[in-house]
């Protein structure tokens, strides 16, 4: 049983992170995670924009989002705190709504900056939690110790988030809410629905209004985001499985392999098979 399965949380360094992901190969995290950068830089592509994380910055990754590592510097030093949603929910922390709100906001923005002293404090907390998790010494109440240490980490993050954005406790604007619902619906329905009209109808607004709001918040049209998410989903399935292209076509809601291949080539200028062959060399 993995540490994550046993305790609900696991800490990765830049070394194990790169065992799991490689440059220009899309991936989807299995669980949400905080990523902290102490030194160096990393550039990630997520759906419709690139994010560059620099020293003393953090971001939150989402298991419903496909990411692609574009580049990383030689001096990159990082910690990734991966956790199961049911684990953090069971802790009954008082600020889950705050974390959820910032979680959405971070999908729209670049990484969130830290003060250097804040990073040092969080870095020490994360390293101590990692030390306890990795310890092979018999330890009474280890599960309870992990829960309390993770709670301390969460409260540290909540304090930093609140300080970084004094409006974090406020509600989303109506435009942000529309985009949030659109992205949530898209995560659930993109396998079968690719029409902007479908997502507009779910919010009882016009297609034109949805497209306008999405464009103003993200810089991309609703149709561009839908296409990007479907393409990224296809890329993950092509490079992480041996499923036939015809089966992937069906999984993504295309009527046949030809329609899927035409859609894929339109957006990437290569066929699904050519894309897959890049990773078989």
Protein backbone atom coordinates (compact mmCIF):
# COMPACT_ATOMS: atom_id res chain seq x y z
CA UNK A 1 0.00 0.00 0.00
CA UNK A 2 1.38 3.42 -0.95
CA UNK A 3 1.88 6.22 1.57
CA UNK A 4 -0.92 8.15 -0.12
CA UNK A 5 -3.34 5.22 0.19
CA UNK A 6 -2.37 4.57 3.80
CA UNK A 7 -2.34 8.10 5.18
CA UNK A 8 -4.23 10.21 2.61
CA UNK A 9 -1.26 12.49 1.90
CA UNK A 10 2.19 12.10 0.32
CA UNK A 11 5.11 14.47 -0.24
CA UNK A 12 7.15 14.36 -3.47
CA UNK A 13 10.43 16.14 -4.23
CA UNK A 14 11.60 17.29 -7.65
CA UNK A 15 13.26 13.87 -8.04
CA UNK A 16 10.09 11.76 -7.73
CA UNK A 17 8.07 14.36 -9.64
CA UNK A 18 10.25 13.78 -12.70
CA UNK A 19 9.89 10.01 -12.34
CA UNK A 20 6.18 10.55 -12.99
CA UNK A 21 6.16 13.25 -15.67
CA UNK A 22 8.41 14.19 -18.59
CA UNK A 23 8.75 17.20 -20.83
CA UNK A 24 6.12 17.59 -23.57
CA UNK A 25 4.14 14.54 -22.43
CA UNK A 26 0.67 15.44 -21.12
CA UNK A 27 -0.38 14.00 -17.76
CA UNK A 28 -3.33 14.12 -15.41
CA UNK A 29 -2.65 14.08 -11.65
CA UNK A 30 -4.40 11.30 -9.76
CA UNK A 31 -5.15 13.62 -6.83
CA UNK A 32 -5.13 17.36 -6.08
CA UNK A 33 -1.80 18.74 -4.92
CA UNK A 34 0.04 21.87 -3.84
CA UNK A 35 3.27 22.46 -5.78
CA UNK A 36 5.90 24.71 -4.17
CA UNK A 37 8.95 26.07 -5.98
CA UNK A 38 11.91 27.11 -3.83
CA UNK A 39 14.54 27.62 -6.54
CA UNK A 40 14.58 27.49 -10.34
CA UNK A 41 11.59 27.62 -12.65
CA UNK A 42 9.10 25.26 -14.26
CA UNK A 43 6.69 26.00 -17.07
CA UNK A 44 3.44 24.01 -17.27
CA UNK A 45 0.73 24.12 -19.91
CA UNK A 46 -2.81 23.64 -18.64
CA UNK A 47 -5.72 23.49 -21.07
CA UNK A 48 -5.68 27.03 -22.39
CA UNK A 49 -2.58 28.77 -21.08
CA UNK A 50 1.01 28.37 -19.92
CA UNK A 51 1.93 28.83 -16.26
CA UNK A 52 5.48 29.67 -15.22
CA UNK A 53 6.29 28.99 -11.59
CA UNK A 54 9.31 30.86 -10.24
CA UNK A 55 11.08 30.82 -6.85
CA UNK A 56 8.81 31.34 -3.82
CA UNK A 57 5.63 30.51 -5.71
CA UNK A 58 2.98 27.82 -5.42
CA UNK A 59 -0.02 26.52 -7.33
CA UNK A 60 -2.73 23.90 -6.90
CA UNK A 61 -3.12 21.09 -9.44
CA UNK A 62 -6.46 19.51 -10.24
CA UNK A 63 -7.09 15.84 -11.18
CA UNK A 64 -9.69 16.99 -13.72
CA UNK A 65 -7.09 19.06 -15.57
CA UNK A 66 -4.52 17.83 -18.07
CA UNK A 67 -1.08 19.39 -17.69
CA UNK A 68 2.02 19.33 -19.84
CA UNK A 69 5.51 20.18 -18.61
CA UNK A 70 7.01 22.53 -21.17
CA UNK A 71 10.39 23.20 -19.56
CA UNK A 72 12.25 23.08 -16.25
CA UNK A 73 15.53 24.71 -15.13
CA UNK A 74 18.52 22.75 -13.87
CA UNK A 75 18.33 24.35 -10.41
CA UNK A 76 14.63 23.52 -9.93
CA UNK A 77 13.85 22.57 -6.33
CA UNK A 78 10.29 21.71 -5.42
CA UNK A 79 7.91 19.96 -3.04
CA UNK A 80 4.54 18.56 -4.07
CA UNK A 81 1.96 17.85 -1.37
CA UNK A 82 -0.50 15.40 -2.90
CA UNK A 83 -3.62 14.51 -0.94
CA UNK A 84 -6.91 12.69 -1.26
CA UNK A 85 -10.02 14.88 -1.20
CA UNK A 86 -11.73 12.58 1.29
CA UNK A 87 -8.74 12.95 3.63
CA UNK A 88 -8.86 16.75 3.77
CA UNK A 89 -12.67 16.65 4.08
CA UNK A 90 -12.45 14.29 7.08
CA UNK A 91 -10.26 16.81 8.94
CA UNK A 92 -13.23 19.21 9.22
CA UNK A 93 -11.06 22.26 8.67
CA UNK A 94 -12.82 25.59 8.93
CA UNK A 95 -11.63 27.03 5.63
CA UNK A 96 -12.43 24.40 2.99
CA UNK A 97 -14.60 26.97 1.20
CA UNK A 98 -11.68 29.40 1.10
CA UNK A 99 -9.36 26.78 -0.35
CA UNK A 100 -12.04 25.89 -2.92
CA UNK A 101 -12.41 29.51 -3.97
CA UNK A 102 -8.70 30.11 -4.38
CA UNK A 103 -8.46 26.73 -6.10
CA UNK A 104 -10.69 28.13 -8.86
CA UNK A 105 -8.91 31.47 -8.98
CA UNK A 106 -5.55 29.77 -9.42
CA UNK A 107 -6.81 28.01 -12.54
CA UNK A 108 -7.23 31.46 -14.07
CA UNK A 109 -3.90 32.93 -12.92
CA UNK A 110 -0.21 32.25 -12.69
CA UNK A 111 1.33 30.75 -9.58
CA UNK A 112 0.73 32.57 -6.31
CA UNK A 113 3.80 34.33 -4.85
CA UNK A 114 5.11 33.83 -1.31
CA UNK A 115 7.24 36.04 0.85
CA UNK A 116 10.58 34.25 1.27
CA UNK A 117 10.07 33.86 5.03
CA UNK A 118 6.64 32.33 4.39
CA UNK A 119 8.15 29.85 1.96
CA UNK A 120 10.83 28.89 4.49
CA UNK A 121 8.19 28.20 7.13
CA UNK A 122 5.98 26.13 4.83
CA UNK A 123 9.04 24.32 3.43
CA UNK A 124 10.06 23.25 6.94
CA UNK A 125 6.52 22.08 7.75
CA UNK A 126 6.32 20.06 4.53
CA UNK A 127 9.76 18.51 5.10
CA UNK A 128 8.86 17.50 8.66
CA UNK A 129 5.61 15.94 7.45
CA UNK A 130 7.61 14.09 4.77
CA UNK A 131 10.07 12.88 7.43
CA UNK A 132 7.22 11.41 9.50
CA UNK A 133 5.53 9.85 6.46
CA UNK A 134 8.77 8.29 5.21
CA UNK A 135 9.95 7.08 8.63
CA UNK A 136 10.21 3.30 8.93
CA UNK A 137 10.50 3.52 12.72
CA UNK A 138 7.56 2.04 14.64
CA UNK A 139 5.53 5.00 15.80
CA UNK A 140 2.40 5.01 17.95
CA UNK A 141 -0.35 7.33 16.73
CA UNK A 142 1.47 7.92 13.42
CA UNK A 143 -1.82 8.40 11.58
CA UNK A 144 -2.95 11.00 14.13
CA UNK A 145 0.43 12.77 13.96
CA UNK A 146 0.15 12.95 10.16
CA UNK A 147 -3.38 14.34 10.41
CA UNK A 148 -2.29 17.08 12.83
CA UNK A 149 0.81 17.99 10.83
CA UNK A 150 -1.22 18.20 7.63
CA UNK A 151 -3.77 20.36 9.47
CA UNK A 152 -0.95 22.70 10.53
CA UNK A 153 0.19 22.90 6.90
CA UNK A 154 -3.38 23.68 5.76
CA UNK A 155 -3.79 26.43 8.33
CA UNK A 156 -0.46 27.92 7.25
CA UNK A 157 -1.66 27.95 3.64
CA UNK A 158 -5.04 29.43 4.60
CA UNK A 159 -3.30 32.25 6.47
CA UNK A 160 -0.99 32.99 3.55
CA UNK A 161 -3.84 32.87 1.05
CA UNK A 162 -5.93 35.26 3.14
CA UNK A 163 -2.99 37.63 3.49
CA UNK A 164 -2.16 37.45 -0.23
CA UNK A 165 -5.73 38.22 -1.23
CA UNK A 166 -7.86 40.13 1.25
CA UNK A 167 -10.91 39.41 -0.90
CA UNK A 168 -10.41 35.64 -0.81
CA UNK A 169 -13.30 35.16 1.62
CA UNK A 170 -15.64 37.04 -0.67
CA UNK A 171 -17.93 35.49 -3.23
CA UNK A 172 -17.11 35.02 -6.88
CA UNK A 173 -18.34 37.68 -9.25
CA UNK A 174 -21.21 36.61 -11.48
CA UNK A 175 -18.81 36.31 -14.43
CA UNK A 176 -16.39 34.14 -12.45
CA UNK A 177 -19.29 31.96 -11.33
CA UNK A 178 -20.39 31.44 -14.95
CA UNK A 179 -16.86 30.38 -15.93
CA UNK A 180 -16.54 28.16 -12.86
CA UNK A 181 -19.79 26.34 -13.70
CA UNK A 182 -18.77 26.08 -17.35
CA UNK A 183 -15.42 24.49 -16.47
CA UNK A 184 -17.09 22.17 -13.93
CA UNK A 185 -19.69 21.06 -16.49
CA UNK A 186 -16.99 20.68 -19.11
CA UNK A 187 -14.93 18.41 -16.85
CA UNK A 188 -17.99 16.16 -16.45
CA UNK A 189 -19.45 16.22 -19.97
CA UNK A 190 -16.60 16.80 -22.44
CA UNK A 191 -16.56 13.09 -23.36
CA UNK A 192 -19.98 13.44 -24.96
CA UNK A 193 -20.71 17.16 -25.44
CA UNK A 194 -18.60 19.55 -27.48
CA UNK A 195 -21.21 22.16 -28.43
CA UNK A 196 -21.09 25.55 -26.67
CA UNK A 197 -24.91 25.56 -26.80
CA UNK A 198 -25.07 22.57 -24.43
CA UNK A 199 -23.08 24.39 -21.73
CA UNK A 200 -24.98 27.65 -22.18
CA UNK A 201 -28.33 25.89 -21.82
CA UNK A 202 -27.21 24.31 -18.55
CA UNK A 203 -26.87 27.83 -17.11
CA UNK A 204 -29.97 29.19 -18.89
CA UNK A 205 -27.92 31.83 -20.70
CA UNK A 206 -27.31 32.47 -24.38
CA UNK A 207 -24.40 30.96 -26.24
CA UNK A 208 -23.21 34.46 -27.09
CA UNK A 209 -23.22 35.52 -23.43
CA UNK A 210 -21.35 32.42 -22.29
CA UNK A 211 -18.71 32.87 -25.00
CA UNK A 212 -18.29 36.57 -24.14
CA UNK A 213 -17.88 35.93 -20.41
CA UNK A 214 -15.47 33.02 -20.90
CA UNK A 215 -13.39 35.12 -23.31
CA UNK A 216 -13.23 38.07 -20.88
CA UNK A 217 -12.09 35.88 -17.95
CA UNK A 218 -9.77 33.39 -19.68
CA UNK A 219 -8.70 35.13 -22.89
CA UNK A 220 -9.99 32.14 -24.88
CA UNK A 221 -13.39 31.47 -26.41
CA UNK A 222 -15.61 28.73 -25.01
CA UNK A 223 -15.17 26.67 -28.19
CA UNK A 224 -11.38 27.00 -27.97
CA UNK A 225 -11.41 25.76 -24.36
CA UNK A 226 -13.70 22.84 -25.24
CA UNK A 227 -11.41 21.85 -28.11
CA UNK A 228 -8.28 22.21 -25.95
CA UNK A 229 -9.71 19.98 -23.22
CA UNK A 230 -10.81 17.29 -25.68
CA UNK A 231 -7.42 17.38 -27.44
CA UNK A 232 -5.56 17.15 -24.14
CA UNK A 233 -7.75 14.26 -23.04
CA UNK A 234 -6.97 12.52 -26.33
CA UNK A 235 -3.23 13.15 -25.90
CA UNK A 236 -3.24 11.58 -22.44
CA UNK A 237 -5.15 8.52 -23.67
CA UNK A 238 -2.83 8.13 -26.66
CA UNK A 239 0.43 8.38 -24.72
CA UNK A 240 -0.57 6.58 -21.51
CA UNK A 241 -2.52 3.61 -22.86
CA UNK A 242 -2.38 1.03 -25.62
CA UNK A 243 -6.06 1.41 -26.47
CA UNK A 244 -6.77 1.38 -30.22
CA UNK A 245 -7.48 4.76 -31.79
CA UNK A 246 -10.97 3.54 -32.63
CA UNK A 247 -11.68 2.85 -28.95
CA UNK A 248 -10.32 6.26 -27.91
CA UNK A 249 -12.55 7.85 -30.55
CA UNK A 250 -15.57 6.17 -28.98
CA UNK A 251 -14.49 7.11 -25.42
CA UNK A 252 -14.36 10.76 -26.45
CA UNK A 253 -17.83 10.68 -28.00
CA UNK A 254 -16.88 10.79 -31.69
CA UNK A 255 -19.14 8.99 -34.14
CA UNK A 256 -16.20 7.17 -35.73
CA UNK A 257 -12.42 7.08 -35.93
CA UNK A 258 -12.37 9.28 -39.04
CA UNK A 259 -14.21 12.13 -37.25
CA UNK A 260 -11.85 11.89 -34.29
CA UNK A 261 -8.73 11.83 -36.50
CA UNK A 262 -10.00 14.82 -38.49
CA UNK A 263 -10.65 16.77 -35.25
CA UNK A 264 -7.25 15.82 -33.79
CA UNK A 265 -5.31 16.68 -36.95
CA UNK A 266 -7.16 20.01 -37.28
CA UNK A 267 -5.86 21.10 -33.88
CA UNK A 268 -2.40 19.48 -33.79
CA UNK A 269 -1.58 19.12 -37.50
CA UNK A 270 -0.63 15.46 -37.02
CA UNK A 271 -2.77 12.33 -36.83
CA UNK A 272 -3.48 10.47 -33.56
CA UNK A 273 -1.24 7.61 -34.72
CA UNK A 274 1.62 9.98 -35.58
CA UNK A 275 1.26 11.63 -32.18
CA UNK A 276 1.36 8.25 -30.39
CA UNK A 277 4.39 7.09 -32.37
CA UNK A 278 6.43 10.00 -30.96
CA UNK A 279 6.47 8.21 -27.58
CA UNK A 280 7.28 4.75 -28.93
CA UNK A 281 10.77 5.67 -30.13
